């Protein structure tokens, strides 16, 4: 009797474990399929079928007029031409950021022109700008230029890690040196954006307003 019971339990466990397997076209049962299969939205292609991806939908999305819902893949906007989500901007317009600043167009080798540019940040908010600039500087600049801008960051001076001495990276600018005392915020902004010498450009990593905040903070370090 006990042997039969054990055999039955063994067969049952084996059947359960087999049911948990997945492979080929049978990937098994998924608890939350929309967490396993992220929707790859294509910005230039519109899916107008509101039932597209219904098999994946666990939540009903409200449609534009609030009547009913649509499935996971539907991504059309009925109010735009061709139901597109993205629209072409009006002719002869130029995009601006949230502060109304135009895209930065000064060429990399035009540092003299860049140095004449004036920061668009409000001087009345200088205390808050310097506080934010300090945080941004510590994130993006401290490791090379050091906390006070004296080229004594870990990248410049080297460091010991897990008992190994990591070599220093020569040539980091001492921002408090005499050669940099008279540079403008526009100069600093340009170098952060485009790079100069050993320093690579950070325009793609740091937002425009944040680069200006760092520039102002660097000038405060030089005082």
C-alpha atoms as a PDB file:
ATOM      1  CA  UNK A   1       0.000   0.000   0.000  1.00  0.00           C
ATOM      2  CA  UNK A   2       2.759   2.398   0.934  1.00  0.00           C
ATOM      3  CA  UNK A   3       4.703   1.501  -2.230  1.00  0.00           C
ATOM      4  CA  UNK A   4       1.657   2.220  -4.413  1.00  0.00           C
ATOM      5  CA  UNK A   5       1.117   5.546  -2.673  1.00  0.00           C
ATOM      6  CA  UNK A   6       4.737   6.542  -3.180  1.00  0.00           C
ATOM      7  CA  UNK A   7       4.636   5.568  -6.840  1.00  0.00           C
ATOM      8  CA  UNK A   8       1.472   7.627  -7.318  1.00  0.00           C
ATOM      9  CA  UNK A   9       3.044  10.651  -5.606  1.00  0.00           C
ATOM     10  CA  UNK A  10       6.186  10.278  -7.714  1.00  0.00           C
ATOM     11  CA  UNK A  11       4.210  10.159 -10.967  1.00  0.00           C
ATOM     12  CA  UNK A  12       2.144  13.177  -9.859  1.00  0.00           C
ATOM     13  CA  UNK A  13       5.233  15.245  -9.017  1.00  0.00           C
ATOM     14  CA  UNK A  14       6.874  14.281 -12.331  1.00  0.00           C
ATOM     15  CA  UNK A  15       3.729  15.338 -14.216  1.00  0.00           C
ATOM     16  CA  UNK A  16       3.635  18.677 -12.416  1.00  0.00           C
ATOM     17  CA  UNK A  17       7.318  19.353 -13.118  1.00  0.00           C
ATOM     18  CA  UNK A  18       6.851  18.418 -16.769  1.00  0.00           C
ATOM     19  CA  UNK A  19       3.957  20.869 -17.021  1.00  0.00           C
ATOM     20  CA  UNK A  20       6.266  23.635 -15.798  1.00  0.00           C
ATOM     21  CA  UNK A  21       8.643  23.135 -18.699  1.00  0.00           C
ATOM     22  CA  UNK A  22       8.782  25.506 -21.642  1.00  0.00           C
ATOM     23  CA  UNK A  23      10.358  25.298 -25.046  1.00  0.00           C
ATOM     24  CA  UNK A  24       9.852  25.927 -28.725  1.00  0.00           C
ATOM     25  CA  UNK A  25       6.432  27.372 -29.469  1.00  0.00           C
ATOM     26  CA  UNK A  26       5.127  26.347 -26.039  1.00  0.00           C
ATOM     27  CA  UNK A  27       6.545  28.783 -23.507  1.00  0.00           C
ATOM     28  CA  UNK A  28       4.260  27.673 -20.690  1.00  0.00           C
ATOM     29  CA  UNK A  29       1.843  29.768 -18.683  1.00  0.00           C
ATOM     30  CA  UNK A  30       2.973  33.275 -17.780  1.00  0.00           C
ATOM     31  CA  UNK A  31       1.606  35.055 -14.739  1.00  0.00           C
ATOM     32  CA  UNK A  32       1.963  38.575 -16.147  1.00  0.00           C
ATOM     33  CA  UNK A  33       2.727  38.365 -19.880  1.00  0.00           C
ATOM     34  CA  UNK A  34       2.899  42.119 -20.396  1.00  0.00           C
ATOM     35  CA  UNK A  35       5.853  42.184 -17.978  1.00  0.00           C
ATOM     36  CA  UNK A  36       7.716  39.511 -19.954  1.00  0.00           C
ATOM     37  CA  UNK A  37       6.966  40.932 -23.405  1.00  0.00           C
ATOM     38  CA  UNK A  38       7.509  44.669 -23.523  1.00  0.00           C
ATOM     39  CA  UNK A  39       5.780  46.513 -26.334  1.00  0.00           C
ATOM     40  CA  UNK A  40       8.245  47.737 -28.960  1.00  0.00           C
ATOM     41  CA  UNK A  41       6.577  50.961 -30.045  1.00  0.00           C
ATOM     42  CA  UNK A  42       7.589  52.189 -33.482  1.00  0.00           C
ATOM     43  CA  UNK A  43       7.207  55.987 -33.601  1.00  0.00           C
ATOM     44  CA  UNK A  44       6.800  56.137 -37.390  1.00  0.00           C
ATOM     45  CA  UNK A  45       4.355  53.247 -37.775  1.00  0.00           C
ATOM     46  CA  UNK A  46       0.774  53.415 -36.571  1.00  0.00           C
ATOM     47  CA  UNK A  47      -1.325  50.473 -35.413  1.00  0.00           C
ATOM     48  CA  UNK A  48      -4.934  51.403 -36.020  1.00  0.00           C
ATOM     49  CA  UNK A  49      -6.494  48.103 -34.944  1.00  0.00           C
ATOM     50  CA  UNK A  50      -7.768  48.615 -31.398  1.00  0.00           C
ATOM     51  CA  UNK A  51      -7.739  44.865 -30.777  1.00  0.00           C
ATOM     52  CA  UNK A  52      -4.097  44.395 -31.744  1.00  0.00           C
ATOM     53  CA  UNK A  53      -2.336  42.709 -28.849  1.00  0.00           C
ATOM     54  CA  UNK A  54      -5.542  41.731 -27.095  1.00  0.00           C
ATOM     55  CA  UNK A  55      -3.955  38.426 -26.066  1.00  0.00           C
ATOM     56  CA  UNK A  56      -1.366  40.388 -24.107  1.00  0.00           C
ATOM     57  CA  UNK A  57      -3.701  42.910 -22.521  1.00  0.00           C
ATOM     58  CA  UNK A  58      -4.382  42.583 -18.820  1.00  0.00           C
ATOM     59  CA  UNK A  59      -5.641  46.151 -18.383  1.00  0.00           C
ATOM     60  CA  UNK A  60      -8.165  47.993 -20.526  1.00  0.00           C
ATOM     61  CA  UNK A  61      -6.742  51.286 -21.751  1.00  0.00           C
ATOM     62  CA  UNK A  62      -9.259  54.099 -22.165  1.00  0.00           C
ATOM     63  CA  UNK A  63      -9.418  55.370 -25.713  1.00  0.00           C
ATOM     64  CA  UNK A  64      -9.467  59.003 -26.762  1.00  0.00           C
ATOM     65  CA  UNK A  65     -13.183  59.656 -26.326  1.00  0.00           C
ATOM     66  CA  UNK A  66     -13.483  57.657 -23.100  1.00  0.00           C
ATOM     67  CA  UNK A  67     -15.743  55.029 -24.638  1.00  0.00           C
ATOM     68  CA  UNK A  68     -14.519  51.484 -24.192  1.00  0.00           C
ATOM     69  CA  UNK A  69     -10.867  50.633 -24.422  1.00  0.00           C
ATOM     70  CA  UNK A  70      -8.125  49.299 -26.667  1.00  0.00           C
ATOM     71  CA  UNK A  71      -5.583  46.528 -26.535  1.00  0.00           C
ATOM     72  CA  UNK A  72      -1.858  46.675 -25.821  1.00  0.00           C
ATOM     73  CA  UNK A  73      -0.427  47.468 -29.268  1.00  0.00           C
ATOM     74  CA  UNK A  74      -2.831  50.203 -30.403  1.00  0.00           C
ATOM     75  CA  UNK A  75      -0.867  53.454 -30.728  1.00  0.00           C
ATOM     76  CA  UNK A  76      -2.768  55.736 -33.085  1.00  0.00           C
ATOM     77  CA  UNK A  77      -3.951  59.291 -32.584  1.00  0.00           C
ATOM     78  CA  UNK A  78      -7.184  59.915 -34.520  1.00  0.00           C
ATOM     79  CA  UNK A  79      -6.813  63.697 -34.190  1.00  0.00           C
ATOM     80  CA  UNK A  80      -3.605  63.933 -36.261  1.00  0.00           C
ATOM     81  CA  UNK A  81      -3.203  63.434 -40.032  1.00  0.00           C
ATOM     82  CA  UNK A  82      -2.612  59.792 -40.922  1.00  0.00           C
ATOM     83  CA  UNK A  83      -3.324  58.996 -37.242  1.00  0.00           C
ATOM     84  CA  UNK A  84       0.317  59.756 -36.431  1.00  0.00           C
ATOM     85  CA  UNK A  85       1.500  60.383 -32.877  1.00  0.00           C
ATOM     86  CA  UNK A  86       4.416  62.489 -34.070  1.00  0.00           C
ATOM     87  CA  UNK A  87       3.737  65.517 -36.244  1.00  0.00           C
ATOM     88  CA  UNK A  88       6.052  67.500 -38.436  1.00  0.00           C
ATOM     89  CA  UNK A  89       6.797  70.913 -36.902  1.00  0.00           C
ATOM     90  CA  UNK A  90       5.596  74.010 -38.801  1.00  0.00           C
ATOM     91  CA  UNK A  91       7.998  75.244 -41.494  1.00  0.00           C
ATOM     92  CA  UNK A  92      10.921  77.457 -40.415  1.00  0.00           C
ATOM     93  CA  UNK A  93      10.511  76.672 -36.707  1.00  0.00           C
ATOM     94  CA  UNK A  94      13.331  75.680 -34.350  1.00  0.00           C
ATOM     95  CA  UNK A  95      12.878  73.562 -31.248  1.00  0.00           C
ATOM     96  CA  UNK A  96      13.594  75.054 -27.835  1.00  0.00           C
ATOM     97  CA  UNK A  97      14.001  73.416 -24.455  1.00  0.00           C
ATOM     98  CA  UNK A  98      11.603  73.953 -21.538  1.00  0.00           C
ATOM     99  CA  UNK A  99      13.401  77.195 -20.640  1.00  0.00           C
ATOM    100  CA  UNK A 100      13.008  78.549 -24.168  1.00  0.00           C
ATOM    101  CA  UNK A 101      16.695  78.131 -25.045  1.00  0.00           C
ATOM    102  CA  UNK A 102      17.542  77.417 -28.676  1.00  0.00           C
ATOM    103  CA  UNK A 103      19.755  74.448 -29.652  1.00  0.00           C
ATOM    104  CA  UNK A 104      23.466  75.106 -29.212  1.00  0.00           C
ATOM    105  CA  UNK A 105      25.036  75.635 -32.646  1.00  0.00           C
ATOM    106  CA  UNK A 106      28.505  77.032 -31.911  1.00  0.00           C
ATOM    107  CA  UNK A 107      31.130  74.825 -33.653  1.00  0.00           C
ATOM    108  CA  UNK A 108      33.636  72.985 -31.467  1.00  0.00           C
ATOM    109  CA  UNK A 109      36.628  75.016 -32.718  1.00  0.00           C
ATOM    110  CA  UNK A 110      34.914  78.387 -32.106  1.00  0.00           C
ATOM    111  CA  UNK A 111      35.796  78.800 -28.444  1.00  0.00           C
ATOM    112  CA  UNK A 112      36.286  82.570 -28.773  1.00  0.00           C
ATOM    113  CA  UNK A 113      32.731  82.959 -30.029  1.00  0.00           C
ATOM    114  CA  UNK A 114      31.416  80.666 -27.321  1.00  0.00           C
ATOM    115  CA  UNK A 115      33.197  82.631 -24.607  1.00  0.00           C
ATOM    116  CA  UNK A 116      31.039  85.675 -25.434  1.00  0.00           C
ATOM    117  CA  UNK A 117      27.781  83.834 -24.839  1.00  0.00           C
ATOM    118  CA  UNK A 118      25.906  84.866 -21.715  1.00  0.00           C
ATOM    119  CA  UNK A 119      24.214  82.382 -19.439  1.00  0.00           C
ATOM    120  CA  UNK A 120      20.405  82.361 -19.816  1.00  0.00           C
ATOM    121  CA  UNK A 121      19.977  81.489 -16.122  1.00  0.00           C
ATOM    122  CA  UNK A 122      18.274  84.071 -13.931  1.00  0.00           C
ATOM    123  CA  UNK A 123      20.800  85.803 -11.667  1.00  0.00           C
ATOM    124  CA  UNK A 124      18.040  86.377  -9.104  1.00  0.00           C
ATOM    125  CA  UNK A 125      18.021  82.612  -8.572  1.00  0.00           C
ATOM    126  CA  UNK A 126      21.786  82.474  -8.129  1.00  0.00           C
ATOM    127  CA  UNK A 127      21.742  80.783  -4.713  1.00  0.00           C
ATOM    128  CA  UNK A 128      19.549  77.933  -5.975  1.00  0.00           C
ATOM    129  CA  UNK A 129      21.570  77.704  -9.210  1.00  0.00           C
ATOM    130  CA  UNK A 130      24.834  77.316  -7.294  1.00  0.00           C
ATOM    131  CA  UNK A 131      23.299  74.666  -5.030  1.00  0.00           C
ATOM    132  CA  UNK A 132      22.120  72.651  -8.031  1.00  0.00           C
ATOM    133  CA  UNK A 133      25.379  73.303  -9.856  1.00  0.00           C
ATOM    134  CA  UNK A 134      27.329  71.878  -6.921  1.00  0.00           C
ATOM    135  CA  UNK A 135      25.327  68.641  -7.019  1.00  0.00           C
ATOM    136  CA  UNK A 136      25.795  68.335 -10.781  1.00  0.00           C
ATOM    137  CA  UNK A 137      29.508  69.110 -10.496  1.00  0.00           C
ATOM    138  CA  UNK A 138      29.924  66.350  -7.917  1.00  0.00           C
ATOM    139  CA  UNK A 139      28.202  63.902 -10.264  1.00  0.00           C
ATOM    140  CA  UNK A 140      29.934  64.758 -13.535  1.00  0.00           C
ATOM    141  CA  UNK A 141      33.177  66.624 -12.727  1.00  0.00           C
ATOM    142  CA  UNK A 142      34.465  65.831  -9.241  1.00  0.00           C
ATOM    143  CA  UNK A 143      36.094  62.521 -10.185  1.00  0.00           C
ATOM    144  CA  UNK A 144      38.514  64.309 -12.547  1.00  0.00           C
ATOM    145  CA  UNK A 145      38.740  67.952 -11.443  1.00  0.00           C
ATOM    146  CA  UNK A 146      38.366  67.321  -7.710  1.00  0.00           C
ATOM    147  CA  UNK A 147      35.946  68.760  -5.167  1.00  0.00           C
ATOM    148  CA  UNK A 148      37.490  72.249  -5.387  1.00  0.00           C
ATOM    149  CA  UNK A 149      38.458  72.134  -9.060  1.00  0.00           C
ATOM    150  CA  UNK A 150      42.165  71.682  -8.355  1.00  0.00           C
ATOM    151  CA  UNK A 151      42.688  68.648 -10.633  1.00  0.00           C
ATOM    152  CA  UNK A 152      42.958  66.314  -7.656  1.00  0.00           C
ATOM    153  CA  UNK A 153      40.087  63.944  -8.363  1.00  0.00           C
ATOM    154  CA  UNK A 154      40.603  60.190  -8.251  1.00  0.00           C
ATOM    155  CA  UNK A 155      40.960  59.999 -12.027  1.00  0.00           C
ATOM    156  CA  UNK A 156      43.685  62.651 -12.032  1.00  0.00           C
ATOM    157  CA  UNK A 157      45.675  61.475  -9.002  1.00  0.00           C
ATOM    158  CA  UNK A 158      45.098  57.743  -9.106  1.00  0.00           C
ATOM    159  CA  UNK A 159      43.616  55.577  -6.390  1.00  0.00           C
ATOM    160  CA  UNK A 160      44.068  52.273  -4.590  1.00  0.00           C
ATOM    161  CA  UNK A 161      41.330  49.734  -5.278  1.00  0.00           C
ATOM    162  CA  UNK A 162      41.324  46.234  -3.787  1.00  0.00           C
ATOM    163  CA  UNK A 163      44.989  46.661  -2.962  1.00  0.00           C
ATOM    164  CA  UNK A 164      45.894  47.659  -6.513  1.00  0.00           C
ATOM    165  CA  UNK A 165      47.258  51.103  -7.320  1.00  0.00           C
ATOM    166  CA  UNK A 166      45.423  52.552 -10.298  1.00  0.00           C
ATOM    167  CA  UNK A 167      47.507  54.902 -12.391  1.00  0.00           C
ATOM    168  CA  UNK A 168      46.789  58.608 -12.563  1.00  0.00           C
ATOM    169  CA  UNK A 169      45.380  60.271 -15.665  1.00  0.00           C
ATOM    170  CA  UNK A 170      47.670  63.179 -16.468  1.00  0.00           C
ATOM    171  CA  UNK A 171      46.511  66.410 -18.052  1.00  0.00           C
ATOM    172  CA  UNK A 172      43.313  67.155 -16.106  1.00  0.00           C
ATOM    173  CA  UNK A 173      42.758  70.916 -15.923  1.00  0.00           C
ATOM    174  CA  UNK A 174      43.257  72.732 -12.625  1.00  0.00           C
ATOM    175  CA  UNK A 175      40.247  75.033 -12.823  1.00  0.00           C
ATOM    176  CA  UNK A 176      41.665  77.306 -10.117  1.00  0.00           C
ATOM    177  CA  UNK A 177      44.955  77.780 -11.927  1.00  0.00           C
ATOM    178  CA  UNK A 178      45.924  81.169 -13.366  1.00  0.00           C
ATOM    179  CA  UNK A 179      45.278  79.979 -16.933  1.00  0.00           C
ATOM    180  CA  UNK A 180      41.591  79.473 -16.143  1.00  0.00           C
ATOM    181  CA  UNK A 181      40.813  82.328 -13.792  1.00  0.00           C
ATOM    182  CA  UNK A 182      39.449  84.617 -16.495  1.00  0.00           C
ATOM    183  CA  UNK A 183      37.444  82.129 -18.552  1.00  0.00           C
ATOM    184  CA  UNK A 184      33.755  82.935 -18.861  1.00  0.00           C
ATOM    185  CA  UNK A 185      30.683  80.851 -18.143  1.00  0.00           C
ATOM    186  CA  UNK A 186      30.193  80.642 -21.914  1.00  0.00           C
ATOM    187  CA  UNK A 187      33.706  79.189 -22.271  1.00  0.00           C
ATOM    188  CA  UNK A 188      33.034  76.563 -19.582  1.00  0.00           C
ATOM    189  CA  UNK A 189      29.642  75.712 -21.065  1.00  0.00           C
ATOM    190  CA  UNK A 190      31.212  75.206 -24.481  1.00  0.00           C
ATOM    191  CA  UNK A 191      33.955  72.908 -23.175  1.00  0.00           C
ATOM    192  CA  UNK A 192      31.430  70.840 -21.219  1.00  0.00           C
ATOM    193  CA  UNK A 193      29.281  70.592 -24.339  1.00  0.00           C
ATOM    194  CA  UNK A 194      31.908  69.964 -27.010  1.00  0.00           C
ATOM    195  CA  UNK A 195      34.950  68.837 -25.076  1.00  0.00           C
ATOM    196  CA  UNK A 196      38.498  70.173 -25.340  1.00  0.00           C
ATOM    197  CA  UNK A 197      41.876  68.489 -25.263  1.00  0.00           C
ATOM    198  CA  UNK A 198      41.686  65.275 -23.230  1.00  0.00           C
ATOM    199  CA  UNK A 199      38.133  66.016 -22.099  1.00  0.00           C
ATOM    200  CA  UNK A 200      35.350  64.573 -24.202  1.00  0.00           C
ATOM    201  CA  UNK A 201      32.100  66.424 -24.835  1.00  0.00           C
ATOM    202  CA  UNK A 202      29.265  65.874 -22.361  1.00  0.00           C
ATOM    203  CA  UNK A 203      26.529  67.561 -24.377  1.00  0.00           C
ATOM    204  CA  UNK A 204      24.625  64.312 -24.837  1.00  0.00           C
ATOM    205  CA  UNK A 205      24.803  63.379 -21.152  1.00  0.00           C
ATOM    206  CA  UNK A 206      24.003  66.669 -19.422  1.00  0.00           C
ATOM    207  CA  UNK A 207      20.960  68.843 -20.147  1.00  0.00           C
ATOM    208  CA  UNK A 208      21.535  72.379 -21.442  1.00  0.00           C
ATOM    209  CA  UNK A 209      20.385  74.176 -18.279  1.00  0.00           C
ATOM    210  CA  UNK A 210      22.452  71.799 -16.135  1.00  0.00           C
ATOM    211  CA  UNK A 211      25.601  72.634 -18.122  1.00  0.00           C
ATOM    212  CA  UNK A 212      25.039  76.324 -17.425  1.00  0.00           C
ATOM    213  CA  UNK A 213      24.554  75.558 -13.719  1.00  0.00           C
ATOM    214  CA  UNK A 214      27.848  73.674 -13.631  1.00  0.00           C
ATOM    215  CA  UNK A 215      29.564  76.560 -15.408  1.00  0.00           C
ATOM    216  CA  UNK A 216      28.332  79.029 -12.800  1.00  0.00           C
ATOM    217  CA  UNK A 217      29.389  76.750  -9.979  1.00  0.00           C
ATOM    218  CA  UNK A 218      32.886  76.420 -11.466  1.00  0.00           C
ATOM    219  CA  UNK A 219      33.176  80.221 -11.515  1.00  0.00           C
ATOM    220  CA  UNK A 220      32.195  80.266  -7.836  1.00  0.00           C
ATOM    221  CA  UNK A 221      35.033  77.811  -7.088  1.00  0.00           C
ATOM    222  CA  UNK A 222      37.522  80.154  -8.735  1.00  0.00           C
ATOM    223  CA  UNK A 223      36.731  83.025  -6.390  1.00  0.00           C
END
